């Protein structure tokens, strides 16, 4: 994958962090998280191209995904990722017989397989649960091509990055 890191810092609040007991500026924490997100994006790219729904389901928290004040159970997310014809499967892997639109590939897999240089855009959204650093999100982009789906946002629990309320259109 040809990945360029474009860090869009959407959250500007700062606060103390700790690194061996010393305060850590928010910008340093975001830079470290952005590097982790680029590595995660490379892993997700391989999984999406391989249409590995199980690998994506493994990143869904056991308690499900938050979605506009409700929770989508993990079992539903798993069903939707594994089932041809569902909206979620279509966004990630493409729908059978789906004709790509002129401005966007039919799926993330289509975008990632397009042969275009793909940039990984890392941004941070305000989220009280994520502290002053914000909730990290990644988006795959290519010049002149609209991105299918929404940015993929994450939260860290017990040292592991999990999807956070971003797989479905929740607005």
Protein backbone atom coordinates (compact mmCIF):
# COMPACT_ATOMS: atom_id res chain seq x y z
CA UNK A 1 0.00 0.00 0.00
CA UNK A 2 1.28 3.45 -0.83
CA UNK A 3 0.25 5.32 2.29
CA UNK A 4 0.74 8.95 3.05
CA UNK A 5 0.03 10.22 6.52
CA UNK A 6 -2.12 13.31 6.58
CA UNK A 7 -2.97 14.16 10.16
CA UNK A 8 -5.97 16.43 10.44
CA UNK A 9 -6.13 17.54 14.04
CA UNK A 10 -9.77 18.32 14.66
CA UNK A 11 -9.45 18.53 18.44
CA UNK A 12 -7.26 21.31 19.75
CA UNK A 13 -7.75 20.99 23.51
CA UNK A 14 -4.60 20.07 25.36
CA UNK A 15 -4.06 18.33 28.62
CA UNK A 16 -1.50 16.29 30.51
CA UNK A 17 -0.67 12.73 29.59
CA UNK A 18 1.92 10.51 31.14
CA UNK A 19 4.98 8.91 29.71
CA UNK A 20 7.05 7.57 32.55
CA UNK A 21 5.41 10.08 34.87
CA UNK A 22 6.25 13.18 32.78
CA UNK A 23 3.52 15.27 31.16
CA UNK A 24 2.98 14.42 27.50
CA UNK A 25 1.61 17.15 25.22
CA UNK A 26 -1.54 16.24 23.33
CA UNK A 27 0.25 16.78 20.03
CA UNK A 28 2.87 14.15 20.92
CA UNK A 29 0.17 11.67 21.92
CA UNK A 30 -1.73 12.33 18.69
CA UNK A 31 1.43 11.83 16.63
CA UNK A 32 2.06 8.48 18.34
CA UNK A 33 -1.57 7.42 17.87
CA UNK A 34 -1.49 8.54 14.22
CA UNK A 35 1.49 6.21 13.60
CA UNK A 36 -0.48 3.35 15.19
CA UNK A 37 -3.48 4.21 13.00
CA UNK A 38 -1.37 4.09 9.81
CA UNK A 39 -0.10 0.63 10.81
CA UNK A 40 -3.68 -0.43 11.58
CA UNK A 41 -4.84 0.98 8.23
CA UNK A 42 -2.31 -1.23 6.41
CA UNK A 43 -3.62 -4.27 8.29
CA UNK A 44 -7.24 -3.32 7.54
CA UNK A 45 -6.40 -2.79 3.88
CA UNK A 46 -5.15 -6.37 3.58
CA UNK A 47 -8.22 -7.70 5.40
CA UNK A 48 -10.68 -5.67 3.33
CA UNK A 49 -9.06 -6.64 0.02
CA UNK A 50 -9.16 -10.31 1.15
CA UNK A 51 -12.84 -9.82 2.12
CA UNK A 52 -12.00 -11.16 5.56
CA UNK A 53 -15.20 -10.31 7.42
CA UNK A 54 -14.08 -12.33 10.45
CA UNK A 55 -11.01 -10.10 10.90
CA UNK A 56 -13.23 -7.01 10.86
CA UNK A 57 -15.72 -8.59 13.27
CA UNK A 58 -12.80 -9.26 15.62
CA UNK A 59 -12.46 -5.45 15.97
CA UNK A 60 -16.10 -4.97 16.99
CA UNK A 61 -16.33 -4.61 20.78
CA UNK A 62 -18.12 -7.48 22.54
CA UNK A 63 -20.81 -5.05 23.71
CA UNK A 64 -21.47 -3.87 20.11
CA UNK A 65 -21.11 -0.51 18.36
CA UNK A 66 -22.55 2.76 19.61
CA UNK A 67 -24.75 4.35 16.97
CA UNK A 68 -26.59 7.63 17.62
CA UNK A 69 -27.60 6.85 21.20
CA UNK A 70 -28.24 3.15 20.69
CA UNK A 71 -26.08 0.04 20.38
CA UNK A 72 -25.83 -2.24 17.36
CA UNK A 73 -25.15 -5.74 18.78
CA UNK A 74 -21.94 -7.42 17.69
CA UNK A 75 -23.95 -10.36 16.31
CA UNK A 76 -25.82 -8.02 13.92
CA UNK A 77 -22.58 -6.39 12.76
CA UNK A 78 -21.12 -9.87 12.16
CA UNK A 79 -24.21 -10.96 10.20
CA UNK A 80 -24.16 -7.80 8.11
CA UNK A 81 -20.44 -8.03 7.31
CA UNK A 82 -20.75 -11.67 6.27
CA UNK A 83 -23.96 -11.36 4.23
CA UNK A 84 -23.97 -10.37 0.56
CA UNK A 85 -26.68 -7.84 -0.08
CA UNK A 86 -26.45 -5.97 3.23
CA UNK A 87 -25.47 -2.32 3.28
CA UNK A 88 -22.43 -2.95 5.50
CA UNK A 89 -21.10 -5.81 3.35
CA UNK A 90 -21.58 -3.65 0.27
CA UNK A 91 -19.63 -0.70 1.71
CA UNK A 92 -16.68 -2.87 2.70
CA UNK A 93 -16.60 -5.56 0.02
CA UNK A 94 -19.06 -4.59 -2.72
CA UNK A 95 -22.46 -5.88 -3.63
CA UNK A 96 -23.00 -8.56 -6.26
CA UNK A 97 -23.53 -6.87 -9.62
CA UNK A 98 -23.07 -3.36 -8.19
CA UNK A 99 -21.97 -0.92 -10.85
CA UNK A 100 -19.47 1.59 -9.54
CA UNK A 101 -20.58 5.21 -9.55
CA UNK A 102 -18.44 7.62 -11.48
CA UNK A 103 -17.19 9.51 -8.39
CA UNK A 104 -16.66 6.58 -6.03
CA UNK A 105 -15.83 2.91 -6.20
CA UNK A 106 -18.66 0.65 -5.10
CA UNK A 107 -16.77 -0.41 -1.95
CA UNK A 108 -13.68 0.12 0.16
CA UNK A 109 -12.28 -3.08 -1.35
CA UNK A 110 -12.82 -1.59 -4.81
CA UNK A 111 -11.02 1.58 -3.82
CA UNK A 112 -8.12 -0.32 -2.25
CA UNK A 113 -7.79 -2.60 -5.32
CA UNK A 114 -8.03 0.31 -7.78
CA UNK A 115 -4.29 0.62 -8.26
CA UNK A 116 -4.44 4.29 -7.33
CA UNK A 117 -2.13 5.71 -4.71
CA UNK A 118 -4.10 5.50 -1.47
CA UNK A 119 -3.60 8.02 1.31
CA UNK A 120 -4.48 7.21 4.89
CA UNK A 121 -5.98 10.27 6.54
CA UNK A 122 -5.87 10.26 10.33
CA UNK A 123 -8.14 12.64 12.22
CA UNK A 124 -9.20 13.04 15.84
CA UNK A 125 -12.84 13.63 16.77
CA UNK A 126 -13.96 15.10 20.06
CA UNK A 127 -15.10 12.37 22.44
CA UNK A 128 -15.19 12.71 26.23
CA UNK A 129 -14.34 8.99 26.56
CA UNK A 130 -11.10 9.56 24.61
CA UNK A 131 -9.85 12.47 26.72
CA UNK A 132 -8.12 15.49 25.27
CA UNK A 133 -6.45 13.44 22.51
CA UNK A 134 -9.82 12.69 20.92
CA UNK A 135 -11.06 9.58 19.14
CA UNK A 136 -8.78 8.58 16.25
CA UNK A 137 -10.33 7.89 12.86
CA UNK A 138 -8.85 6.73 9.57
CA UNK A 139 -10.08 7.28 6.07
CA UNK A 140 -8.69 5.81 2.86
CA UNK A 141 -8.52 8.37 0.04
CA UNK A 142 -7.32 8.59 -3.53
CA UNK A 143 -6.99 11.72 -5.63
CA UNK A 144 -10.16 12.49 -7.54
CA UNK A 145 -12.11 9.61 -6.00
CA UNK A 146 -14.81 9.88 -3.34
CA UNK A 147 -14.39 7.53 -0.40
CA UNK A 148 -17.11 4.90 0.07
CA UNK A 149 -18.54 4.72 3.59
CA UNK A 150 -17.56 6.81 6.57
CA UNK A 151 -14.22 7.20 8.30
CA UNK A 152 -13.38 4.24 10.55
CA UNK A 153 -13.07 5.44 14.15
CA UNK A 154 -11.44 3.57 17.00
CA UNK A 155 -11.17 3.41 20.73
CA UNK A 156 -8.50 1.65 22.71
CA UNK A 157 -9.42 -0.89 25.38
CA UNK A 158 -6.83 -3.03 27.15
CA UNK A 159 -4.17 -2.12 24.60
CA UNK A 160 -6.29 -3.11 21.55
CA UNK A 161 -7.93 -0.85 18.98
CA UNK A 162 -11.67 -1.48 18.52
CA UNK A 163 -14.15 0.06 16.08
CA UNK A 164 -16.22 2.82 17.65
CA UNK A 165 -19.65 3.77 16.27
CA UNK A 166 -18.51 4.40 12.74
CA UNK A 167 -19.49 1.42 10.60
CA UNK A 168 -23.14 2.36 10.11
CA UNK A 169 -24.61 5.74 9.10
CA UNK A 170 -25.77 6.71 12.57
CA UNK A 171 -26.66 10.36 12.00
